Amino acid sequence: MAKMIRSKYGYEPPEWVQADARLDKWCKDKRRAKQHGAFSLEKKRRKQHAKDKKMPLS
């Protein structure tokens, strides 16, 4: 039997600790992306800055 490792979920085999770490990282990344609007269905429209607009020559 594999040596048990103490993790934040209790004593687990090393393979489970690695799997938990990958899942925790995936959930954290998904939550961060959701907070920044990566999963928004509406397309965000950006306002055009004045420097991007062509100025007429006088």
N, C-alpha and C. Protein backbone atom coordinates (compact mmCIF):
# COMPACT_ATOMS: atom_id res chain seq x y z
N MET A 1 0.84 -1.18 0.00
CA MET A 1 0.00 0.00 0.00
C MET A 1 0.89 1.24 0.00
N ALA A 2 0.43 2.25 -0.73
CA ALA A 2 1.19 3.50 -0.85
C ALA A 2 1.18 4.26 0.46
N LYS A 3 2.21 5.04 0.64
CA LYS A 3 2.31 5.86 1.85
C LYS A 3 1.24 6.96 1.80
N MET A 4 0.54 7.13 2.88
CA MET A 4 -0.52 8.13 2.94
C MET A 4 0.08 9.51 3.23
N ILE A 5 -0.45 10.51 2.57
CA ILE A 5 0.04 11.89 2.72
C ILE A 5 -1.08 12.73 3.31
N ARG A 6 -0.73 13.60 4.24
CA ARG A 6 -1.71 14.50 4.85
C ARG A 6 -1.97 15.66 3.89
N SER A 7 -3.21 15.83 3.48
CA SER A 7 -3.60 16.94 2.61
C SER A 7 -4.71 17.72 3.30
N LYS A 8 -5.22 18.74 2.61
CA LYS A 8 -6.29 19.52 3.22
C LYS A 8 -7.60 18.74 3.26
N TYR A 9 -7.66 17.60 2.57
CA TYR A 9 -8.86 16.77 2.58
C TYR A 9 -8.71 15.55 3.49
N GLY A 10 -7.58 15.42 4.18
CA GLY A 10 -7.34 14.29 5.06
C GLY A 10 -6.15 13.48 4.55
N TYR A 11 -6.01 12.26 5.01
CA TYR A 11 -4.92 11.39 4.58
C TYR A 11 -5.32 10.69 3.29
N GLU A 12 -4.46 10.84 2.26
CA GLU A 12 -4.76 10.28 0.95
C GLU A 12 -3.49 9.71 0.33
N PRO A 13 -3.65 8.81 -0.65
CA PRO A 13 -2.48 8.34 -1.40
C PRO A 13 -1.94 9.47 -2.28
N PRO A 14 -0.67 9.40 -2.68
CA PRO A 14 -0.07 10.49 -3.49
C PRO A 14 -0.82 10.78 -4.79
N GLU A 15 -1.37 9.76 -5.43
CA GLU A 15 -2.08 9.97 -6.69
C GLU A 15 -3.32 10.85 -6.47
N TRP A 16 -4.00 10.62 -5.39
CA TRP A 16 -5.21 11.40 -5.09
C TRP A 16 -4.86 12.85 -4.75
N VAL A 17 -3.73 13.03 -4.06
CA VAL A 17 -3.29 14.39 -3.71
C VAL A 17 -3.00 15.17 -4.99
N GLN A 18 -2.34 14.52 -5.96
CA GLN A 18 -2.05 15.19 -7.23
C GLN A 18 -3.33 15.50 -8.00
N ALA A 19 -4.26 14.56 -7.99
CA ALA A 19 -5.54 14.78 -8.68
C ALA A 19 -6.31 15.93 -8.03
N ASP A 20 -6.31 15.98 -6.70
CA ASP A 20 -6.99 17.08 -6.00
C ASP A 20 -6.36 18.42 -6.34
N ALA A 21 -5.03 18.46 -6.44
CA ALA A 21 -4.35 19.70 -6.77
C ALA A 21 -4.72 20.17 -8.16
N ARG A 22 -4.78 19.22 -9.12
CA ARG A 22 -5.17 19.61 -10.48
C ARG A 22 -6.60 20.12 -10.53
N LEU A 23 -7.50 19.46 -9.82
CA LEU A 23 -8.91 19.90 -9.80
C LEU A 23 -9.05 21.27 -9.13
N ASP A 24 -8.33 21.48 -8.03
CA ASP A 24 -8.38 22.78 -7.35
C ASP A 24 -7.90 23.89 -8.26
N LYS A 25 -6.80 23.64 -8.99
CA LYS A 25 -6.27 24.65 -9.90
C LYS A 25 -7.25 24.93 -11.03
N TRP A 26 -7.88 23.88 -11.58
CA TRP A 26 -8.84 24.04 -12.67
C TRP A 26 -10.03 24.87 -12.21
N CYS A 27 -10.55 24.56 -11.00
CA CYS A 27 -11.70 25.31 -10.47
C CYS A 27 -11.35 26.77 -10.23
N LYS A 28 -10.14 27.00 -9.72
CA LYS A 28 -9.70 28.37 -9.44
C LYS A 28 -9.58 29.16 -10.75
N ASP A 29 -9.00 28.55 -11.79
CA ASP A 29 -8.86 29.22 -13.08
C ASP A 29 -10.22 29.50 -13.71
N LYS A 30 -11.14 28.55 -13.61
CA LYS A 30 -12.46 28.74 -14.19
C LYS A 30 -13.21 29.86 -13.47
N ARG A 31 -13.11 29.90 -12.13
CA ARG A 31 -13.77 30.96 -11.37
C ARG A 31 -13.19 32.32 -11.72
N ARG A 32 -11.85 32.40 -11.88
CA ARG A 32 -11.21 33.66 -12.23
C ARG A 32 -11.66 34.12 -13.61
N ALA A 33 -11.75 33.20 -14.57
CA ALA A 33 -12.18 33.55 -15.92
C ALA A 33 -13.63 34.02 -15.92
N LYS A 34 -14.46 33.39 -15.11
CA LYS A 34 -15.87 33.77 -15.04
C LYS A 34 -16.02 35.17 -14.46
N GLN A 35 -15.19 35.52 -13.48
CA GLN A 35 -15.26 36.84 -12.87
C GLN A 35 -14.87 37.93 -13.87
N HIS A 36 -13.98 37.59 -14.83
CA HIS A 36 -13.53 38.57 -15.80
C HIS A 36 -14.35 38.56 -17.09
N GLY A 37 -15.44 37.81 -17.12
CA GLY A 37 -16.34 37.83 -18.25
C GLY A 37 -15.92 36.97 -19.42
N ALA A 38 -15.07 35.99 -19.22
CA ALA A 38 -14.63 35.14 -20.32
C ALA A 38 -15.76 34.27 -20.83
N PHE A 39 -16.75 33.97 -20.01
CA PHE A 39 -17.84 33.10 -20.40
C PHE A 39 -19.12 33.88 -20.70
N SER A 40 -18.99 35.15 -20.96
CA SER A 40 -20.15 35.99 -21.25
C SER A 40 -20.69 35.68 -22.63
N LEU A 41 -22.01 35.58 -22.76
CA LEU A 41 -22.62 35.30 -24.06
C LEU A 41 -22.72 36.55 -24.91
N GLU A 42 -22.81 37.69 -24.28
CA GLU A 42 -22.88 38.94 -25.03
C GLU A 42 -21.48 39.39 -25.40
N LYS A 43 -21.36 39.87 -26.62
CA LYS A 43 -20.06 40.38 -27.02
C LYS A 43 -19.94 41.80 -26.52
N LYS A 44 -18.83 42.05 -25.91
CA LYS A 44 -18.61 43.39 -25.37
C LYS A 44 -18.14 44.31 -26.50
N ARG A 45 -18.75 45.46 -26.55
CA ARG A 45 -18.35 46.44 -27.55
C ARG A 45 -17.45 47.47 -26.87
N ARG A 46 -16.35 47.71 -27.50
CA ARG A 46 -15.41 48.69 -26.96
C ARG A 46 -15.64 50.03 -27.64
N LYS A 47 -15.53 51.07 -26.86
CA LYS A 47 -15.66 52.40 -27.42
C LYS A 47 -14.37 52.75 -28.15
N GLN A 48 -14.55 53.40 -29.26
CA GLN A 48 -13.39 53.79 -30.04
C GLN A 48 -12.77 55.04 -29.42
N HIS A 49 -11.50 54.99 -29.22
CA HIS A 49 -10.80 56.12 -28.62
C HIS A 49 -10.60 57.22 -29.66
N ALA A 50 -10.45 58.44 -29.18
CA ALA A 50 -10.29 59.58 -30.06
C ALA A 50 -9.02 59.46 -30.88
N LYS A 51 -7.98 58.86 -30.34
CA LYS A 51 -6.74 58.75 -31.11
C LYS A 51 -6.87 57.77 -32.26
N ASP A 52 -7.84 56.85 -32.19
CA ASP A 52 -8.04 55.89 -33.26
C ASP A 52 -8.84 56.49 -34.42
N LYS A 53 -9.61 57.53 -34.16
CA LYS A 53 -10.42 58.14 -35.19
C LYS A 53 -9.54 59.04 -36.06
N LYS A 54 -9.88 59.08 -37.34
CA LYS A 54 -9.12 59.95 -38.24
C LYS A 54 -9.58 61.38 -38.08
N MET A 55 -8.62 62.26 -37.92
CA MET A 55 -8.92 63.69 -37.77
C MET A 55 -8.90 64.34 -39.14
N PRO A 56 -9.92 65.16 -39.46
CA PRO A 56 -9.90 65.84 -40.76
C PRO A 56 -8.78 66.89 -40.82
N LEU A 57 -8.19 66.98 -41.98
CA LEU A 57 -7.11 67.97 -42.16
C LEU A 57 -7.73 69.33 -42.42
N SER A 58 -7.24 70.36 -41.76
CA SER A 58 -7.80 71.71 -41.93
C SER A 58 -6.98 72.49 -42.91
